[in-house]
């Protein structure tokens, strides 16, 4: 029995890791409340989750705020650019569905909208994890995130599917998530750690290439 509750036992390591993810979740929610800081929060969330998966995290709070401060300006600019892109997609959809009366033209424009939206979504998924991992200019971050999304469609689809599934379950079966309690306690941090498993495998190819170069 004492072995189960020893500091280095599997049970205690698991409980400690769950506690770390819960702390990460609280930090993300708290720093996202001003809204304008969402870019820095997403970068810090992914940076800390990637460190957790790699097993080189030290202090969750320190790791989080180090990434938050380091990438604050660049991540905020990127978040504003992505918000503008989202606004453009919303305007396109509104115009096509509300103002275009020709059925064939509407079908073509909506088909193009869905294709471009999927490409944009798979690219955006890699933006903040990429920024948390690599030191690049804003232009290169956006460009390389898009290229990685295109080169690794299965990884992008896996992350997108997990995200969409979590949203769908929350919206249509809120009792499963305790009517939002799951997200307040561990949801964002837990999802980031699951995503980090995929991102780590993808980014490993590029970090290895950079070291070799």
C-alpha atoms as a PDB file:
ATOM      1  CA  UNK A   1       0.000   0.000   0.000  1.00  0.00           C
ATOM      2  CA  UNK A   2       2.708   2.581   0.857  1.00  0.00           C
ATOM      3  CA  UNK A   3       4.230   1.941  -2.561  1.00  0.00           C
ATOM      4  CA  UNK A   4       1.071   3.094  -4.305  1.00  0.00           C
ATOM      5  CA  UNK A   5       1.209   6.467  -2.585  1.00  0.00           C
ATOM      6  CA  UNK A   6       4.961   6.923  -2.847  1.00  0.00           C
ATOM      7  CA  UNK A   7       6.027  10.145  -4.544  1.00  0.00           C
ATOM      8  CA  UNK A   8       7.509   8.254  -7.502  1.00  0.00           C
ATOM      9  CA  UNK A   9       4.670   5.741  -7.934  1.00  0.00           C
ATOM     10  CA  UNK A  10       2.677   5.577 -11.156  1.00  0.00           C
ATOM     11  CA  UNK A  11      -0.467   6.723  -9.365  1.00  0.00           C
ATOM     12  CA  UNK A  12       1.163   9.797  -7.843  1.00  0.00           C
ATOM     13  CA  UNK A  13       2.882  10.709 -11.101  1.00  0.00           C
ATOM     14  CA  UNK A  14      -0.462  10.505 -12.871  1.00  0.00           C
ATOM     15  CA  UNK A  15      -2.214  12.606 -10.242  1.00  0.00           C
ATOM     16  CA  UNK A  16       0.599  15.153 -10.348  1.00  0.00           C
ATOM     17  CA  UNK A  17       0.315  15.394 -14.118  1.00  0.00           C
ATOM     18  CA  UNK A  18      -3.453  15.864 -13.915  1.00  0.00           C
ATOM     19  CA  UNK A  19      -2.891  18.642 -11.390  1.00  0.00           C
ATOM     20  CA  UNK A  20      -0.370  20.254 -13.759  1.00  0.00           C
ATOM     21  CA  UNK A  21      -2.891  20.221 -16.589  1.00  0.00           C
ATOM     22  CA  UNK A  22      -5.538  21.735 -14.332  1.00  0.00           C
ATOM     23  CA  UNK A  23      -3.145  24.532 -13.358  1.00  0.00           C
ATOM     24  CA  UNK A  24      -2.397  25.092 -17.046  1.00  0.00           C
ATOM     25  CA  UNK A  25      -6.117  25.261 -17.746  1.00  0.00           C
ATOM     26  CA  UNK A  26      -6.685  27.886 -15.042  1.00  0.00           C
ATOM     27  CA  UNK A  27      -3.779  29.993 -16.294  1.00  0.00           C
ATOM     28  CA  UNK A  28      -5.102  29.900 -19.841  1.00  0.00           C
ATOM     29  CA  UNK A  29      -8.614  30.945 -18.836  1.00  0.00           C
ATOM     30  CA  UNK A  30      -7.356  33.717 -16.544  1.00  0.00           C
ATOM     31  CA  UNK A  31      -5.002  35.232 -19.130  1.00  0.00           C
ATOM     32  CA  UNK A  32      -7.584  34.950 -21.925  1.00  0.00           C
ATOM     33  CA  UNK A  33     -10.256  36.988 -20.132  1.00  0.00           C
ATOM     34  CA  UNK A  34      -9.016  40.350 -21.495  1.00  0.00           C
ATOM     35  CA  UNK A  35      -9.711  38.893 -24.981  1.00  0.00           C
ATOM     36  CA  UNK A  36      -6.904  40.929 -26.594  1.00  0.00           C
ATOM     37  CA  UNK A  37      -4.417  38.582 -24.918  1.00  0.00           C
ATOM     38  CA  UNK A  38      -5.894  35.457 -26.511  1.00  0.00           C
ATOM     39  CA  UNK A  39      -2.983  35.138 -28.953  1.00  0.00           C
ATOM     40  CA  UNK A  40      -0.380  35.176 -26.190  1.00  0.00           C
ATOM     41  CA  UNK A  41      -2.526  32.813 -24.113  1.00  0.00           C
ATOM     42  CA  UNK A  42      -2.809  30.292 -26.943  1.00  0.00           C
ATOM     43  CA  UNK A  43       0.930  30.446 -27.558  1.00  0.00           C
ATOM     44  CA  UNK A  44       1.728  29.953 -23.871  1.00  0.00           C
ATOM     45  CA  UNK A  45      -0.853  27.156 -23.620  1.00  0.00           C
ATOM     46  CA  UNK A  46       0.735  25.282 -26.511  1.00  0.00           C
ATOM     47  CA  UNK A  47       4.293  25.987 -25.368  1.00  0.00           C
ATOM     48  CA  UNK A  48       3.599  24.550 -21.922  1.00  0.00           C
ATOM     49  CA  UNK A  49       1.642  21.588 -23.289  1.00  0.00           C
ATOM     50  CA  UNK A  50       4.506  20.758 -25.641  1.00  0.00           C
ATOM     51  CA  UNK A  51       6.927  20.854 -22.699  1.00  0.00           C
ATOM     52  CA  UNK A  52       4.643  18.555 -20.697  1.00  0.00           C
ATOM     53  CA  UNK A  53       4.495  16.014 -23.523  1.00  0.00           C
ATOM     54  CA  UNK A  54       8.278  16.214 -24.027  1.00  0.00           C
ATOM     55  CA  UNK A  55       8.798  15.722 -20.300  1.00  0.00           C
ATOM     56  CA  UNK A  56      11.023  18.804 -19.931  1.00  0.00           C
ATOM     57  CA  UNK A  57       8.605  21.017 -18.024  1.00  0.00           C
ATOM     58  CA  UNK A  58       9.820  22.558 -14.786  1.00  0.00           C
ATOM     59  CA  UNK A  59       7.184  24.766 -13.228  1.00  0.00           C
ATOM     60  CA  UNK A  60       3.874  24.994 -15.091  1.00  0.00           C
ATOM     61  CA  UNK A  61       3.318  28.573 -13.959  1.00  0.00           C
ATOM     62  CA  UNK A  62       6.850  29.685 -14.782  1.00  0.00           C
ATOM     63  CA  UNK A  63       6.891  27.917 -18.146  1.00  0.00           C
ATOM     64  CA  UNK A  64       3.526  29.432 -19.031  1.00  0.00           C
ATOM     65  CA  UNK A  65       4.354  33.028 -18.196  1.00  0.00           C
ATOM     66  CA  UNK A  66       7.798  32.797 -19.769  1.00  0.00           C
ATOM     67  CA  UNK A  67       6.179  31.883 -23.094  1.00  0.00           C
ATOM     68  CA  UNK A  68       3.378  34.409 -22.534  1.00  0.00           C
ATOM     69  CA  UNK A  69       5.793  37.329 -22.099  1.00  0.00           C
ATOM     70  CA  UNK A  70       8.254  36.174 -24.743  1.00  0.00           C
ATOM     71  CA  UNK A  71       5.747  35.954 -27.592  1.00  0.00           C
ATOM     72  CA  UNK A  72       3.166  38.497 -26.423  1.00  0.00           C
ATOM     73  CA  UNK A  73       3.666  41.119 -29.129  1.00  0.00           C
ATOM     74  CA  UNK A  74       4.058  38.738 -32.062  1.00  0.00           C
ATOM     75  CA  UNK A  75       1.220  36.438 -30.994  1.00  0.00           C
ATOM     76  CA  UNK A  76      -1.113  39.417 -30.548  1.00  0.00           C
ATOM     77  CA  UNK A  77      -0.373  40.646 -34.066  1.00  0.00           C
ATOM     78  CA  UNK A  78      -0.950  37.153 -35.436  1.00  0.00           C
ATOM     79  CA  UNK A  79      -4.225  36.817 -33.523  1.00  0.00           C
ATOM     80  CA  UNK A  80      -5.454  40.107 -35.020  1.00  0.00           C
ATOM     81  CA  UNK A  81      -4.515  38.940 -38.518  1.00  0.00           C
ATOM     82  CA  UNK A  82      -6.350  35.648 -37.984  1.00  0.00           C
ATOM     83  CA  UNK A  83      -9.374  37.524 -36.648  1.00  0.00           C
ATOM     84  CA  UNK A  84      -9.375  39.617 -39.831  1.00  0.00           C
ATOM     85  CA  UNK A  85      -9.246  36.446 -41.923  1.00  0.00           C
ATOM     86  CA  UNK A  86     -12.153  35.043 -39.918  1.00  0.00           C
ATOM     87  CA  UNK A  87     -14.084  38.243 -40.530  1.00  0.00           C
ATOM     88  CA  UNK A  88     -13.434  37.942 -44.259  1.00  0.00           C
ATOM     89  CA  UNK A  89     -14.787  34.385 -44.279  1.00  0.00           C
ATOM     90  CA  UNK A  90     -17.871  35.486 -42.334  1.00  0.00           C
ATOM     91  CA  UNK A  91     -18.491  38.368 -44.769  1.00  0.00           C
ATOM     92  CA  UNK A  92     -18.046  36.038 -47.757  1.00  0.00           C
ATOM     93  CA  UNK A  93     -20.577  33.583 -46.330  1.00  0.00           C
ATOM     94  CA  UNK A  94     -23.072  36.369 -45.600  1.00  0.00           C
ATOM     95  CA  UNK A  95     -22.806  37.840 -49.085  1.00  0.00           C
ATOM     96  CA  UNK A  96     -23.146  34.465 -50.808  1.00  0.00           C
ATOM     97  CA  UNK A  97     -26.101  33.252 -48.730  1.00  0.00           C
ATOM     98  CA  UNK A  98     -27.960  36.540 -48.501  1.00  0.00           C
ATOM     99  CA  UNK A  99     -27.189  38.468 -51.682  1.00  0.00           C
ATOM    100  CA  UNK A 100     -26.388  35.904 -54.378  1.00  0.00           C
ATOM    101  CA  UNK A 101     -29.652  34.721 -55.916  1.00  0.00           C
ATOM    102  CA  UNK A 102     -28.366  32.497 -58.720  1.00  0.00           C
ATOM    103  CA  UNK A 103     -28.418  28.907 -57.390  1.00  0.00           C
ATOM    104  CA  UNK A 104     -25.506  27.656 -59.496  1.00  0.00           C
ATOM    105  CA  UNK A 105     -23.278  30.609 -58.661  1.00  0.00           C
ATOM    106  CA  UNK A 106     -24.175  30.291 -54.983  1.00  0.00           C
ATOM    107  CA  UNK A 107     -23.260  26.593 -55.020  1.00  0.00           C
ATOM    108  CA  UNK A 108     -19.881  27.289 -56.651  1.00  0.00           C
ATOM    109  CA  UNK A 109     -19.039  30.127 -54.259  1.00  0.00           C
ATOM    110  CA  UNK A 110     -20.069  28.103 -51.209  1.00  0.00           C
ATOM    111  CA  UNK A 111     -18.051  25.098 -52.394  1.00  0.00           C
ATOM    112  CA  UNK A 112     -14.992  27.328 -52.770  1.00  0.00           C
ATOM    113  CA  UNK A 113     -15.728  28.817 -49.329  1.00  0.00           C
ATOM    114  CA  UNK A 114     -15.790  25.396 -47.651  1.00  0.00           C
ATOM    115  CA  UNK A 115     -12.562  24.286 -49.344  1.00  0.00           C
ATOM    116  CA  UNK A 116     -10.707  27.460 -48.413  1.00  0.00           C
ATOM    117  CA  UNK A 117     -12.141  27.369 -44.894  1.00  0.00           C
ATOM    118  CA  UNK A 118     -10.841  23.833 -44.398  1.00  0.00           C
ATOM    119  CA  UNK A 119      -7.376  24.819 -45.630  1.00  0.00           C
ATOM    120  CA  UNK A 120      -7.400  27.897 -43.393  1.00  0.00           C
ATOM    121  CA  UNK A 121      -8.578  25.906 -40.379  1.00  0.00           C
ATOM    122  CA  UNK A 122      -5.896  23.225 -40.753  1.00  0.00           C
ATOM    123  CA  UNK A 123      -3.274  25.957 -41.156  1.00  0.00           C
ATOM    124  CA  UNK A 124      -4.443  27.986 -38.160  1.00  0.00           C
ATOM    125  CA  UNK A 125      -4.261  24.887 -35.956  1.00  0.00           C
ATOM    126  CA  UNK A 126      -0.477  24.906 -36.419  1.00  0.00           C
ATOM    127  CA  UNK A 127       0.088  28.664 -36.043  1.00  0.00           C
ATOM    128  CA  UNK A 128       0.383  29.052 -32.278  1.00  0.00           C
ATOM    129  CA  UNK A 129       2.101  25.686 -31.638  1.00  0.00           C
ATOM    130  CA  UNK A 130       4.595  26.630 -34.372  1.00  0.00           C
ATOM    131  CA  UNK A 131       5.179  30.040 -32.807  1.00  0.00           C
ATOM    132  CA  UNK A 132       5.696  28.356 -29.442  1.00  0.00           C
ATOM    133  CA  UNK A 133       8.345  26.049 -30.935  1.00  0.00           C
ATOM    134  CA  UNK A 134      10.237  28.058 -33.554  1.00  0.00           C
ATOM    135  CA  UNK A 135      11.693  31.559 -33.617  1.00  0.00           C
ATOM    136  CA  UNK A 136      10.481  33.056 -36.895  1.00  0.00           C
ATOM    137  CA  UNK A 137       9.078  36.271 -38.302  1.00  0.00           C
ATOM    138  CA  UNK A 138       5.308  36.702 -38.353  1.00  0.00           C
ATOM    139  CA  UNK A 139       5.261  36.177 -42.106  1.00  0.00           C
ATOM    140  CA  UNK A 140       7.243  32.949 -41.828  1.00  0.00           C
ATOM    141  CA  UNK A 141       5.088  31.696 -38.956  1.00  0.00           C
ATOM    142  CA  UNK A 142       1.924  32.059 -41.046  1.00  0.00           C
ATOM    143  CA  UNK A 143       3.571  30.677 -44.165  1.00  0.00           C
ATOM    144  CA  UNK A 144       5.196  27.680 -42.519  1.00  0.00           C
ATOM    145  CA  UNK A 145       2.086  26.831 -40.493  1.00  0.00           C
ATOM    146  CA  UNK A 146       0.131  26.725 -43.751  1.00  0.00           C
ATOM    147  CA  UNK A 147       2.749  24.548 -45.451  1.00  0.00           C
ATOM    148  CA  UNK A 148       2.935  22.155 -42.503  1.00  0.00           C
ATOM    149  CA  UNK A 149      -0.854  21.857 -42.511  1.00  0.00           C
ATOM    150  CA  UNK A 150      -0.755  20.943 -46.199  1.00  0.00           C
ATOM    151  CA  UNK A 151       2.187  18.552 -45.868  1.00  0.00           C
ATOM    152  CA  UNK A 152       0.723  16.713 -42.891  1.00  0.00           C
ATOM    153  CA  UNK A 153      -2.994  16.425 -43.706  1.00  0.00           C
ATOM    154  CA  UNK A 154      -3.544  13.408 -41.444  1.00  0.00           C
ATOM    155  CA  UNK A 155      -2.061  15.208 -38.449  1.00  0.00           C
ATOM    156  CA  UNK A 156      -4.084  18.319 -39.238  1.00  0.00           C
ATOM    157  CA  UNK A 157      -7.239  16.254 -39.662  1.00  0.00           C
ATOM    158  CA  UNK A 158      -6.601  14.457 -36.362  1.00  0.00           C
ATOM    159  CA  UNK A 159      -6.233  17.715 -34.425  1.00  0.00           C
ATOM    160  CA  UNK A 160      -9.209  19.268 -36.214  1.00  0.00           C
ATOM    161  CA  UNK A 161     -11.383  16.202 -35.576  1.00  0.00           C
ATOM    162  CA  UNK A 162     -10.537  16.132 -31.867  1.00  0.00           C
ATOM    163  CA  UNK A 163     -11.335  19.847 -31.585  1.00  0.00           C
ATOM    164  CA  UNK A 164     -14.605  19.602 -33.497  1.00  0.00           C
ATOM    165  CA  UNK A 165     -15.665  16.516 -31.534  1.00  0.00           C
ATOM    166  CA  UNK A 166     -15.068  18.352 -28.246  1.00  0.00           C
ATOM    167  CA  UNK A 167     -17.130  21.308 -29.463  1.00  0.00           C
ATOM    168  CA  UNK A 168     -19.964  19.143 -30.773  1.00  0.00           C
ATOM    169  CA  UNK A 169     -20.197  17.152 -27.540  1.00  0.00           C
ATOM    170  CA  UNK A 170     -20.190  20.365 -25.497  1.00  0.00           C
ATOM    171  CA  UNK A 171     -22.927  21.976 -27.596  1.00  0.00           C
ATOM    172  CA  UNK A 172     -25.239  19.014 -28.158  1.00  0.00           C
ATOM    173  CA  UNK A 173     -24.567  16.981 -24.999  1.00  0.00           C
ATOM    174  CA  UNK A 174     -23.631  19.593 -22.379  1.00  0.00           C
ATOM    175  CA  UNK A 175     -24.344  17.150 -19.549  1.00  0.00           C
ATOM    176  CA  UNK A 176     -21.327  15.096 -20.655  1.00  0.00           C
ATOM    177  CA  UNK A 177     -19.045  18.037 -19.891  1.00  0.00           C
ATOM    178  CA  UNK A 178     -20.861  18.905 -16.679  1.00  0.00           C
ATOM    179  CA  UNK A 179     -22.451  21.913 -18.363  1.00  0.00           C
ATOM    180  CA  UNK A 180     -19.114  23.630 -18.819  1.00  0.00           C
ATOM    181  CA  UNK A 181     -17.447  22.456 -15.603  1.00  0.00           C
ATOM    182  CA  UNK A 182     -15.104  20.188 -17.556  1.00  0.00           C
ATOM    183  CA  UNK A 183     -13.762  23.177 -19.494  1.00  0.00           C
ATOM    184  CA  UNK A 184     -13.333  25.261 -16.355  1.00  0.00           C
ATOM    185  CA  UNK A 185     -11.377  22.513 -14.610  1.00  0.00           C
ATOM    186  CA  UNK A 186      -9.217  20.835 -17.246  1.00  0.00           C
ATOM    187  CA  UNK A 187     -10.743  21.034 -20.739  1.00  0.00           C
ATOM    188  CA  UNK A 188      -8.516  23.568 -22.520  1.00  0.00           C
ATOM    189  CA  UNK A 189      -5.327  22.297 -20.925  1.00  0.00           C
ATOM    190  CA  UNK A 190      -6.251  18.662 -21.551  1.00  0.00           C
ATOM    191  CA  UNK A 191      -7.099  19.328 -25.186  1.00  0.00           C
ATOM    192  CA  UNK A 192      -3.817  21.204 -25.645  1.00  0.00           C
ATOM    193  CA  UNK A 193      -1.827  18.275 -24.224  1.00  0.00           C
ATOM    194  CA  UNK A 194      -3.601  15.808 -26.533  1.00  0.00           C
ATOM    195  CA  UNK A 195      -2.883  18.095 -29.484  1.00  0.00           C
ATOM    196  CA  UNK A 196       0.725  18.462 -28.345  1.00  0.00           C
ATOM    197  CA  UNK A 197       1.263  14.735 -28.843  1.00  0.00           C
ATOM    198  CA  UNK A 198       0.508  15.244 -32.549  1.00  0.00           C
ATOM    199  CA  UNK A 199       2.415  18.525 -32.846  1.00  0.00           C
ATOM    200  CA  UNK A 200       5.502  17.044 -31.190  1.00  0.00           C
ATOM    201  CA  UNK A 201       5.719  14.263 -33.763  1.00  0.00           C
ATOM    202  CA  UNK A 202       5.250  16.675 -36.662  1.00  0.00           C
ATOM    203  CA  UNK A 203       7.671  19.332 -35.421  1.00  0.00           C
ATOM    204  CA  UNK A 204      10.312  16.723 -34.572  1.00  0.00           C
ATOM    205  CA  UNK A 205      11.018  16.340 -38.286  1.00  0.00           C
ATOM    206  CA  UNK A 206      11.733  20.042 -38.682  1.00  0.00           C
ATOM    207  CA  UNK A 207      13.728  20.505 -35.496  1.00  0.00           C
ATOM    208  CA  UNK A 208      15.880  17.516 -36.492  1.00  0.00           C
ATOM    209  CA  UNK A 209      16.412  19.020 -39.950  1.00  0.00           C
ATOM    210  CA  UNK A 210      17.354  22.374 -38.411  1.00  0.00           C
ATOM    211  CA  UNK A 211      19.896  20.730 -36.111  1.00  0.00           C
ATOM    212  CA  UNK A 212      21.356  18.722 -39.002  1.00  0.00           C
ATOM    213  CA  UNK A 213      21.675  21.875 -41.091  1.00  0.00           C
END
